[in-house]
Amino acid sequence: MAGKLKIKYCIWDVGGVIYPYTLKFVNEFMKSRTEDMAVFNENNGAVGFDYDAFMLGKVSFETLCRQLCKYCAVKFQPGIDAQINLAFRDGIGEFRKTTHRLMEQMKKKGIVNGILSNALPNLKDTADAFGLIDENRIFCSFDLELLKPDPRIYEVVREKLGCAFGEILFIDDKPANVEAAKALGINALVFNDETAEKDVGKLMGWGTGRK
């Protein structure tokens, strides 16, 4: 038993929680190569592109790059996919020390850390930032073919973990994803880097947490 709750698993989002993430570098790369700025601006550049099919594993990275180039009026040519991949990776911010501390605290209390992410497949290797997550507890949208906040994705994760919804703590920076989890009976929190330790401590009955 962990505090007041019988939590067995703490499942974390990645982008926004393990590290901040931005598409601005992809956007800047595409903007610097667009052949039609009017089209680029009308589509809101790479930021306006719909990445769902890629995150669902329905298209390859090369196909994504071809579609993104067309969307941004950029000529697709050999080697540009590698450059786009680097721009995606440049969007990864510094790993959050708050999340690291909380993951370590979970582990010390016998709670297993895991990940549930609407993820870009080309960034999968960046998820286990702290070496505190078993590869069997990394759940990504492109593997499950589902996206948060679809209730089915939480149901699949629960089945794979082999536990009850009430034995899961889910932490995500997007309120819609948290509310969807709560509706199923999952203990869930919206991540805020400034208050996360206090929020988790209060929920788990650990006291006030770090100030």
C-alpha atoms as a PDB file:
ATOM      1  CA  MET A   1       0.000   0.000   0.000  1.00  0.00           C
ATOM      2  CA  ALA A   2       1.300   3.465  -0.937  1.00  0.00           C
ATOM      3  CA  GLY A   3       0.024   6.182   1.415  1.00  0.00           C
ATOM      4  CA  LYS A   4      -3.760   6.292   1.451  1.00  0.00           C
ATOM      5  CA  LEU A   5      -4.064   4.708  -1.977  1.00  0.00           C
ATOM      6  CA  LYS A   6      -3.212   1.225  -3.170  1.00  0.00           C
ATOM      7  CA  ILE A   7      -1.188   2.403  -6.135  1.00  0.00           C
ATOM      8  CA  LYS A   8       0.850  -0.210  -7.993  1.00  0.00           C
ATOM      9  CA  TYR A   9       1.742   1.779 -11.119  1.00  0.00           C
ATOM     10  CA  CYS A  10       2.498   5.421 -11.822  1.00  0.00           C
ATOM     11  CA  ILE A  11       2.023   6.101 -15.529  1.00  0.00           C
ATOM     12  CA  TRP A  12       3.572   9.257 -16.938  1.00  0.00           C
ATOM     13  CA  ASP A  13       3.078  11.263 -20.103  1.00  0.00           C
ATOM     14  CA  VAL A  14       6.304  12.177 -21.916  1.00  0.00           C
ATOM     15  CA  GLY A  15       6.172  15.493 -23.809  1.00  0.00           C
ATOM     16  CA  GLY A  16       5.388  18.177 -21.250  1.00  0.00           C
ATOM     17  CA  VAL A  17       5.962  15.904 -18.246  1.00  0.00           C
ATOM     18  CA  ILE A  18       9.290  14.100 -18.642  1.00  0.00           C
ATOM     19  CA  TYR A  19      10.561  16.981 -20.758  1.00  0.00           C
ATOM     20  CA  PRO A  20       9.020  20.048 -22.415  1.00  0.00           C
ATOM     21  CA  TYR A  21       8.541  19.667 -26.148  1.00  0.00           C
ATOM     22  CA  THR A  22       8.089  22.120 -29.009  1.00  0.00           C
ATOM     23  CA  LEU A  23       7.609  21.890 -32.771  1.00  0.00           C
ATOM     24  CA  LYS A  24       9.205  25.283 -33.333  1.00  0.00           C
ATOM     25  CA  PHE A  25      12.427  23.829 -34.733  1.00  0.00           C
ATOM     26  CA  VAL A  26      10.535  21.715 -37.273  1.00  0.00           C
ATOM     27  CA  ASN A  27       8.480  24.781 -38.107  1.00  0.00           C
ATOM     28  CA  GLU A  28      11.575  26.933 -38.592  1.00  0.00           C
ATOM     29  CA  PHE A  29      13.209  24.270 -40.767  1.00  0.00           C
ATOM     30  CA  MET A  30      10.171  24.008 -43.038  1.00  0.00           C
ATOM     31  CA  LYS A  31       9.723  27.777 -43.154  1.00  0.00           C
ATOM     32  CA  SER A  32      13.326  28.246 -44.305  1.00  0.00           C
ATOM     33  CA  ARG A  33      12.688  25.898 -47.241  1.00  0.00           C
ATOM     34  CA  THR A  34       9.138  26.675 -48.291  1.00  0.00           C
ATOM     35  CA  GLU A  35       8.581  27.632 -51.913  1.00  0.00           C
ATOM     36  CA  ASP A  36       5.270  29.326 -51.157  1.00  0.00           C
ATOM     37  CA  MET A  37       5.119  31.429 -47.995  1.00  0.00           C
ATOM     38  CA  ALA A  38       1.443  32.179 -48.540  1.00  0.00           C
ATOM     39  CA  VAL A  39       0.603  28.470 -48.376  1.00  0.00           C
ATOM     40  CA  PHE A  40       2.922  27.986 -45.417  1.00  0.00           C
ATOM     41  CA  ASN A  41       1.266  30.787 -43.471  1.00  0.00           C
ATOM     42  CA  GLU A  42      -2.257  29.750 -44.432  1.00  0.00           C
ATOM     43  CA  ASN A  43      -1.587  26.233 -43.089  1.00  0.00           C
ATOM     44  CA  ASN A  44       0.181  27.568 -39.990  1.00  0.00           C
ATOM     45  CA  GLY A  45       3.309  25.743 -41.086  1.00  0.00           C
ATOM     46  CA  ALA A  46       4.473  22.547 -39.419  1.00  0.00           C
ATOM     47  CA  VAL A  47       2.560  23.513 -36.276  1.00  0.00           C
ATOM     48  CA  GLY A  48      -0.736  23.239 -38.144  1.00  0.00           C
ATOM     49  CA  PHE A  49      -0.025  19.801 -39.591  1.00  0.00           C
ATOM     50  CA  ASP A  50      -2.033  16.822 -38.288  1.00  0.00           C
ATOM     51  CA  TYR A  51       0.409  14.241 -36.865  1.00  0.00           C
ATOM     52  CA  ASP A  52      -2.261  11.792 -35.694  1.00  0.00           C
ATOM     53  CA  ALA A  53      -1.732   9.203 -38.456  1.00  0.00           C
ATOM     54  CA  PHE A  54       1.984   9.108 -37.663  1.00  0.00           C
ATOM     55  CA  MET A  55       1.402   8.874 -33.912  1.00  0.00           C
ATOM     56  CA  LEU A  56      -1.056   6.045 -34.572  1.00  0.00           C
ATOM     57  CA  GLY A  57       1.594   4.145 -36.542  1.00  0.00           C
ATOM     58  CA  LYS A  58      -0.394   4.288 -39.782  1.00  0.00           C
ATOM     59  CA  VAL A  59       2.320   5.947 -41.866  1.00  0.00           C
ATOM     60  CA  SER A  60       6.099   5.630 -42.006  1.00  0.00           C
ATOM     61  CA  PHE A  61       8.461   8.458 -41.122  1.00  0.00           C
ATOM     62  CA  GLU A  62       9.330   8.914 -44.808  1.00  0.00           C
ATOM     63  CA  THR A  63       5.643   9.213 -45.655  1.00  0.00           C
ATOM     64  CA  LEU A  64       5.189  11.714 -42.840  1.00  0.00           C
ATOM     65  CA  CYS A  65       8.053  13.792 -44.224  1.00  0.00           C
ATOM     66  CA  ARG A  66       6.602  13.721 -47.733  1.00  0.00           C
ATOM     67  CA  GLN A  67       3.192  14.783 -46.432  1.00  0.00           C
ATOM     68  CA  LEU A  68       4.689  17.495 -44.225  1.00  0.00           C
ATOM     69  CA  CYS A  69       6.738  18.866 -47.108  1.00  0.00           C
ATOM     70  CA  LYS A  70       3.667  19.023 -49.328  1.00  0.00           C
ATOM     71  CA  TYR A  71       1.674  20.696 -46.566  1.00  0.00           C
ATOM     72  CA  CYS A  72       4.384  23.330 -46.062  1.00  0.00           C
ATOM     73  CA  ALA A  73       5.132  23.765 -49.790  1.00  0.00           C
ATOM     74  CA  VAL A  74       8.635  22.371 -49.393  1.00  0.00           C
ATOM     75  CA  LYS A  75      10.320  20.285 -52.089  1.00  0.00           C
ATOM     76  CA  PHE A  76      10.936  16.723 -50.858  1.00  0.00           C
ATOM     77  CA  GLN A  77      14.404  15.523 -51.830  1.00  0.00           C
ATOM     78  CA  PRO A  78      16.850  12.817 -50.704  1.00  0.00           C
ATOM     79  CA  GLY A  79      18.240  13.471 -47.239  1.00  0.00           C
ATOM     80  CA  ILE A  80      15.593  15.928 -46.126  1.00  0.00           C
ATOM     81  CA  ASP A  81      13.918  13.309 -43.921  1.00  0.00           C
ATOM     82  CA  ALA A  82      17.107  13.031 -41.839  1.00  0.00           C
ATOM     83  CA  GLN A  83      17.176  16.806 -41.451  1.00  0.00           C
ATOM     84  CA  ILE A  84      13.528  16.873 -40.428  1.00  0.00           C
ATOM     85  CA  ASN A  85      14.220  14.152 -37.863  1.00  0.00           C
ATOM     86  CA  LEU A  86      16.984  16.268 -36.325  1.00  0.00           C
ATOM     87  CA  ALA A  87      14.587  19.215 -36.142  1.00  0.00           C
ATOM     88  CA  PHE A  88      12.064  17.039 -34.298  1.00  0.00           C
ATOM     89  CA  ARG A  89      14.740  16.016 -31.811  1.00  0.00           C
ATOM     90  CA  ASP A  90      15.861  19.615 -31.323  1.00  0.00           C
ATOM     91  CA  GLY A  91      12.410  20.249 -29.870  1.00  0.00           C
ATOM     92  CA  ILE A  92      13.196  18.157 -26.789  1.00  0.00           C
ATOM     93  CA  GLY A  93      13.848  20.365 -23.771  1.00  0.00           C
ATOM     94  CA  GLU A  94      15.834  19.593 -20.642  1.00  0.00           C
ATOM     95  CA  PHE A  95      14.587  16.600 -18.692  1.00  0.00           C
ATOM     96  CA  ARG A  96      12.535  17.736 -15.732  1.00  0.00           C
ATOM     97  CA  LYS A  97      14.270  17.316 -12.368  1.00  0.00           C
ATOM     98  CA  THR A  98      10.878  17.342 -10.657  1.00  0.00           C
ATOM     99  CA  THR A  99       9.713  14.302 -12.627  1.00  0.00           C
ATOM    100  CA  HIS A 100      13.000  12.530 -11.995  1.00  0.00           C
ATOM    101  CA  ARG A 101      12.682  13.025  -8.237  1.00  0.00           C
ATOM    102  CA  LEU A 102       9.091  11.814  -8.247  1.00  0.00           C
ATOM    103  CA  MET A 103       9.935   8.722 -10.302  1.00  0.00           C
ATOM    104  CA  GLU A 104      12.708   7.857  -7.868  1.00  0.00           C
ATOM    105  CA  GLN A 105      10.312   8.348  -4.966  1.00  0.00           C
ATOM    106  CA  MET A 106       7.765   6.051  -6.620  1.00  0.00           C
ATOM    107  CA  LYS A 107      10.391   3.360  -7.118  1.00  0.00           C
ATOM    108  CA  LYS A 108      11.544   3.567  -3.501  1.00  0.00           C
ATOM    109  CA  LYS A 109       7.958   3.033  -2.377  1.00  0.00           C
ATOM    110  CA  GLY A 110       7.573  -0.033  -4.578  1.00  0.00           C
ATOM    111  CA  ILE A 111       5.468   1.670  -7.237  1.00  0.00           C
ATOM    112  CA  VAL A 112       6.353   0.764 -10.825  1.00  0.00           C
ATOM    113  CA  ASN A 113       6.888   3.684 -13.206  1.00  0.00           C
ATOM    114  CA  GLY A 114       5.502   3.509 -16.737  1.00  0.00           C
ATOM    115  CA  ILE A 115       4.768   5.718 -19.736  1.00  0.00           C
ATOM    116  CA  LEU A 116       1.657   6.374 -21.793  1.00  0.00           C
ATOM    117  CA  SER A 117       2.290   8.783 -24.633  1.00  0.00           C
ATOM    118  CA  ASN A 118       0.736  10.059 -27.836  1.00  0.00           C
ATOM    119  CA  ALA A 119       4.201   9.730 -29.286  1.00  0.00           C
ATOM    120  CA  LEU A 120       6.088  10.438 -32.477  1.00  0.00           C
ATOM    121  CA  PRO A 121       7.664   7.049 -33.325  1.00  0.00           C
ATOM    122  CA  ASN A 122      10.993   8.643 -34.244  1.00  0.00           C
ATOM    123  CA  LEU A 123      11.319   9.932 -30.660  1.00  0.00           C
ATOM    124  CA  LYS A 124      10.537   6.660 -28.885  1.00  0.00           C
ATOM    125  CA  ASP A 125      14.102   6.260 -27.635  1.00  0.00           C
ATOM    126  CA  THR A 126      13.850   9.505 -25.658  1.00  0.00           C
ATOM    127  CA  ALA A 127      11.018   8.319 -23.377  1.00  0.00           C
ATOM    128  CA  ASP A 128      12.927   6.510 -20.622  1.00  0.00           C
ATOM    129  CA  ALA A 129      14.971   9.543 -19.735  1.00  0.00           C
ATOM    130  CA  PHE A 130      16.029   8.427 -16.283  1.00  0.00           C
ATOM    131  CA  GLY A 131      16.460   4.653 -16.598  1.00  0.00           C
ATOM    132  CA  LEU A 132      13.564   4.164 -14.201  1.00  0.00           C
ATOM    133  CA  ILE A 133      11.068   2.564 -16.573  1.00  0.00           C
ATOM    134  CA  ASP A 134      10.958  -1.047 -17.714  1.00  0.00           C
ATOM    135  CA  GLU A 135      10.580  -1.406 -21.485  1.00  0.00           C
ATOM    136  CA  ASN A 136       7.472  -3.517 -20.848  1.00  0.00           C
ATOM    137  CA  ARG A 137       5.853  -0.504 -19.191  1.00  0.00           C
ATOM    138  CA  ILE A 138       6.315   1.884 -22.131  1.00  0.00           C
ATOM    139  CA  PHE A 139       2.971   2.308 -23.893  1.00  0.00           C
ATOM    140  CA  CYS A 140       2.898   4.428 -27.041  1.00  0.00           C
ATOM    141  CA  SER A 141       0.054   5.432 -29.319  1.00  0.00           C
ATOM    142  CA  PHE A 142       1.725   3.945 -32.402  1.00  0.00           C
ATOM    143  CA  ASP A 143       1.988   0.534 -30.738  1.00  0.00           C
ATOM    144  CA  LEU A 144      -1.537   0.556 -29.307  1.00  0.00           C
ATOM    145  CA  GLU A 145      -3.047   2.251 -32.409  1.00  0.00           C
ATOM    146  CA  LEU A 146      -5.000   4.538 -30.094  1.00  0.00           C
ATOM    147  CA  LEU A 147      -4.627   8.144 -28.945  1.00  0.00           C
ATOM    148  CA  LYS A 148      -5.365   9.773 -25.620  1.00  0.00           C
ATOM    149  CA  PRO A 149      -7.973  10.774 -24.514  1.00  0.00           C
ATOM    150  CA  ASP A 150      -9.763   7.809 -26.123  1.00  0.00           C
ATOM    151  CA  PRO A 151     -10.959   5.721 -23.134  1.00  0.00           C
ATOM    152  CA  ARG A 152      -9.883   2.547 -24.936  1.00  0.00           C
ATOM    153  CA  ILE A 153      -6.209   3.410 -24.613  1.00  0.00           C
ATOM    154  CA  TYR A 154      -6.469   3.455 -20.810  1.00  0.00           C
ATOM    155  CA  GLU A 155      -8.390   0.182 -20.868  1.00  0.00           C
ATOM    156  CA  VAL A 156      -5.670  -1.476 -22.950  1.00  0.00           C
ATOM    157  CA  VAL A 157      -2.950  -0.225 -20.597  1.00  0.00           C
ATOM    158  CA  ARG A 158      -4.858  -1.501 -17.557  1.00  0.00           C
ATOM    159  CA  GLU A 159      -5.195  -4.931 -19.194  1.00  0.00           C
ATOM    160  CA  LYS A 160      -1.487  -5.041 -19.995  1.00  0.00           C
ATOM    161  CA  LEU A 161      -0.595  -4.042 -16.436  1.00  0.00           C
ATOM    162  CA  GLY A 162      -3.003  -6.611 -15.021  1.00  0.00           C
ATOM    163  CA  CYS A 163      -4.391  -4.345 -12.335  1.00  0.00           C
ATOM    164  CA  ALA A 164      -7.488  -2.368 -11.420  1.00  0.00           C
ATOM    165  CA  PHE A 165      -7.985   1.214 -12.606  1.00  0.00           C
ATOM    166  CA  GLY A 166      -7.838   2.350  -8.983  1.00  0.00           C
ATOM    167  CA  GLU A 167      -4.319   0.929  -8.659  1.00  0.00           C
ATOM    168  CA  ILE A 168      -2.998   3.329 -11.314  1.00  0.00           C
ATOM    169  CA  LEU A 169      -1.787   6.895 -10.875  1.00  0.00           C
ATOM    170  CA  PHE A 170      -1.710   8.745 -14.208  1.00  0.00           C
ATOM    171  CA  ILE A 171       0.113  12.059 -14.660  1.00  0.00           C
ATOM    172  CA  ASP A 172      -0.309  14.131 -17.840  1.00  0.00           C
ATOM    173  CA  ASP A 173      -0.024  17.822 -18.683  1.00  0.00           C
ATOM    174  CA  LYS A 174      -3.247  17.888 -20.739  1.00  0.00           C
ATOM    175  CA  PRO A 175      -6.482  18.251 -18.723  1.00  0.00           C
ATOM    176  CA  ALA A 176      -8.554  16.358 -21.324  1.00  0.00           C
ATOM    177  CA  ASN A 177      -6.321  13.279 -20.964  1.00  0.00           C
ATOM    178  CA  VAL A 178      -6.510  13.458 -17.181  1.00  0.00           C
ATOM    179  CA  GLU A 179     -10.297  13.829 -17.146  1.00  0.00           C
ATOM    180  CA  ALA A 180     -10.696  10.824 -19.467  1.00  0.00           C
ATOM    181  CA  ALA A 181      -8.582   8.741 -17.081  1.00  0.00           C
ATOM    182  CA  LYS A 182     -10.517   9.929 -14.031  1.00  0.00           C
ATOM    183  CA  ALA A 183     -13.814   8.972 -15.683  1.00  0.00           C
ATOM    184  CA  LEU A 184     -12.614   5.345 -15.669  1.00  0.00           C
ATOM    185  CA  GLY A 185     -11.638   5.405 -12.002  1.00  0.00           C
ATOM    186  CA  ILE A 186      -7.926   6.077 -12.492  1.00  0.00           C
ATOM    187  CA  ASN A 187      -6.219   8.360  -9.984  1.00  0.00           C
ATOM    188  CA  ALA A 188      -4.980  11.176 -12.196  1.00  0.00           C
ATOM    189  CA  LEU A 189      -3.289  14.565 -11.914  1.00  0.00           C
ATOM    190  CA  VAL A 190      -2.595  17.425 -14.316  1.00  0.00           C
ATOM    191  CA  PHE A 191       1.169  17.971 -14.249  1.00  0.00           C
ATOM    192  CA  ASN A 192       2.508  21.346 -13.184  1.00  0.00           C
ATOM    193  CA  ASP A 193       6.266  21.442 -12.728  1.00  0.00           C
ATOM    194  CA  GLU A 194       6.038  24.009  -9.923  1.00  0.00           C
ATOM    195  CA  THR A 195       3.485  22.101  -7.835  1.00  0.00           C
ATOM    196  CA  ALA A 196       3.849  18.457  -8.955  1.00  0.00           C
ATOM    197  CA  GLU A 197       5.649  17.197  -5.853  1.00  0.00           C
ATOM    198  CA  LYS A 198       3.135  18.833  -3.550  1.00  0.00           C
ATOM    199  CA  ASP A 199       0.199  17.615  -5.677  1.00  0.00           C
ATOM    200  CA  VAL A 200       1.442  14.028  -5.754  1.00  0.00           C
ATOM    201  CA  GLY A 201       2.304  14.069  -2.066  1.00  0.00           C
ATOM    202  CA  LYS A 202      -1.184  15.280  -1.167  1.00  0.00           C
ATOM    203  CA  LEU A 203      -2.919  12.702  -3.347  1.00  0.00           C
ATOM    204  CA  MET A 204      -0.763   9.843  -2.108  1.00  0.00           C
ATOM    205  CA  GLY A 205      -0.922  10.850   1.538  1.00  0.00           C
ATOM    206  CA  TRP A 206       2.798  11.570   1.716  1.00  0.00           C
ATOM    207  CA  GLY A 207       2.359  14.928   3.389  1.00  0.00           C
ATOM    208  CA  THR A 208       2.879  18.249   1.672  1.00  0.00           C
ATOM    209  CA  GLY A 209       5.777  17.095  -0.522  1.00  0.00           C
ATOM    210  CA  ARG A 210       8.634  19.410  -1.422  1.00  0.00           C
ATOM    211  CA  LYS A 211       8.071  23.134  -1.086  1.00  0.00           C
END
